[in-house]
Protein backbone atom coordinates (compact mmCIF):
# COMPACT_ATOMS: atom_id res chain seq x y z
CA UNK A 1 86.42 -139.00 -136.90
CA UNK A 2 88.40 -142.12 -138.56
CA UNK A 3 86.26 -144.57 -137.32
CA UNK A 4 83.33 -142.93 -138.98
CA UNK A 5 85.04 -142.30 -142.42
CA UNK A 6 84.93 -144.50 -145.31
CA UNK A 7 87.09 -145.06 -148.39
CA UNK A 8 84.68 -142.46 -150.13
CA UNK A 9 84.57 -139.70 -147.56
CA UNK A 10 87.59 -137.53 -146.59
CA UNK A 11 88.14 -136.50 -143.07
CA UNK A 12 86.88 -133.39 -143.24
CA UNK A 13 83.57 -134.56 -144.97
CA UNK A 14 83.34 -137.01 -142.40
CA UNK A 15 83.60 -134.57 -139.38
CA UNK A 16 80.96 -132.38 -141.02
CA UNK A 17 78.51 -135.54 -141.36
CA UNK A 18 79.34 -136.25 -137.59
CA UNK A 19 78.52 -132.42 -136.50
CA UNK A 20 75.37 -132.51 -138.67
CA UNK A 21 74.08 -135.82 -137.03
CA UNK A 22 74.93 -134.28 -133.76
CA UNK A 23 73.06 -130.82 -134.44
CA UNK A 24 69.81 -132.60 -135.15
CA UNK A 25 68.62 -133.07 -131.86
CA UNK A 26 70.89 -130.71 -130.03
CA UNK A 27 70.07 -127.01 -131.45
CA UNK A 28 70.84 -124.15 -129.24
CA UNK A 29 73.47 -126.19 -127.29
CA UNK A 30 77.15 -125.39 -127.24
CA UNK A 31 79.61 -128.11 -128.58
CA UNK A 32 82.78 -128.02 -126.94
CA UNK A 33 85.88 -129.98 -128.25
CA UNK A 34 89.51 -130.45 -127.45
CA UNK A 35 92.06 -131.29 -130.11
CA UNK A 36 95.50 -132.69 -129.83
CA UNK A 37 97.81 -130.25 -131.06
CA UNK A 38 100.24 -132.82 -132.69
CA UNK A 39 97.32 -133.76 -135.06
CA UNK A 40 95.35 -130.86 -135.76
CA UNK A 41 95.69 -127.06 -136.59
CA UNK A 42 93.21 -124.21 -136.14
CA UNK A 43 92.02 -124.11 -139.82
CA UNK A 44 90.45 -127.78 -139.57
CA UNK A 45 88.12 -126.46 -137.00
CA UNK A 46 87.61 -122.89 -138.05
CA UNK A 47 86.56 -124.06 -141.41
CA UNK A 48 83.77 -126.32 -139.89
CA UNK A 49 82.37 -123.37 -137.73
CA UNK A 50 84.20 -123.72 -134.47
CA UNK A 51 85.63 -120.69 -132.62
CA UNK A 52 88.87 -121.18 -130.72
CA UNK A 53 88.44 -121.20 -127.17
CA UNK A 54 91.76 -121.31 -125.47
CA UNK A 55 94.80 -123.65 -125.21
CA UNK A 56 95.54 -126.53 -122.70
CA UNK A 57 99.29 -126.08 -122.18
CA UNK A 58 101.59 -128.91 -122.92
CA UNK A 59 102.00 -132.01 -120.45
CA UNK A 60 103.41 -135.34 -120.14
CA UNK A 61 102.68 -138.92 -119.71
CA UNK A 62 104.58 -142.04 -118.94
CA UNK A 63 104.54 -145.28 -121.15
CA UNK A 64 106.11 -148.70 -120.38
CA UNK A 65 105.52 -151.10 -123.41
CA UNK A 66 101.91 -150.28 -124.84
CA UNK A 67 100.69 -149.06 -121.26
CA UNK A 68 100.21 -145.24 -121.22
CA UNK A 69 99.48 -143.50 -118.06
CA UNK A 70 99.23 -139.74 -116.63
CA UNK A 71 101.78 -139.15 -114.01
CA UNK A 72 98.81 -139.21 -111.53
CA UNK A 73 98.11 -142.64 -112.52
CA UNK A 74 101.53 -144.26 -112.04
CA UNK A 75 101.46 -146.88 -108.95
CA UNK A 76 102.00 -144.96 -105.57
CA UNK A 77 104.50 -147.76 -104.77
CA UNK A 78 106.48 -147.11 -108.04
CA UNK A 79 106.57 -143.44 -107.30
CA UNK A 80 107.49 -143.65 -103.71
CA UNK A 81 110.41 -146.00 -104.81
CA UNK A 82 111.51 -143.69 -107.60
CA UNK A 83 111.34 -140.55 -105.13
CA UNK A 84 113.36 -142.30 -102.59
CA UNK A 85 116.17 -143.60 -105.24
CA UNK A 86 119.51 -142.17 -105.09
CA UNK A 87 119.51 -141.98 -109.01
CA UNK A 88 116.58 -139.51 -109.24
CA UNK A 89 112.89 -140.07 -110.15
CA UNK A 90 113.21 -139.60 -113.54
CA UNK A 91 116.20 -141.97 -113.98
CA UNK A 92 114.65 -144.63 -111.81
CA UNK A 93 111.65 -144.77 -113.82
CA UNK A 94 113.85 -145.09 -117.14
CA UNK A 95 115.64 -148.00 -115.63
CA UNK A 96 112.27 -149.77 -114.91
CA UNK A 97 111.34 -148.98 -118.61
CA UNK A 98 108.79 -146.18 -117.95
CA UNK A 99 109.48 -143.28 -120.09
CA UNK A 100 108.37 -139.59 -119.95
CA UNK A 101 106.64 -138.19 -123.16
CA UNK A 102 105.78 -134.65 -123.63
CA UNK A 103 102.38 -133.85 -125.72
CA UNK A 104 102.00 -130.68 -127.59
CA UNK A 105 99.15 -129.41 -125.51
CA UNK A 106 95.36 -129.17 -126.72
CA UNK A 107 93.47 -126.37 -128.30
CA UNK A 108 89.81 -125.92 -127.11
CA UNK A 109 87.28 -124.95 -129.57
CA UNK A 110 83.41 -124.32 -129.16
CA UNK A 111 80.49 -124.03 -131.70
CA UNK A 112 76.85 -123.16 -130.84
CA UNK A 113 74.84 -125.78 -132.60
């Protein structure tokens, strides 16, 4: 949304403009959206005509410097070494500068266009 907004358009107005543009050739279709619960609350989407459609439970990811990966994307070799380490998987990853970070889950919304 931020990439579509300018100094003269609020985020909400920018979001509405994107929805209007999308709606032009998608009439009668359902638009499904997920939103990171760290940054959005329900009112933002409900005010724009969406209905809440569930929650994706919190999860976690790993990061090392600027590299961010889902647990399933960690190198097999690194995970094997971590799991076989006498200090434990999480401690091994920390020693190798991979840190576990939890998110807040995602909310799912849908809107009939």
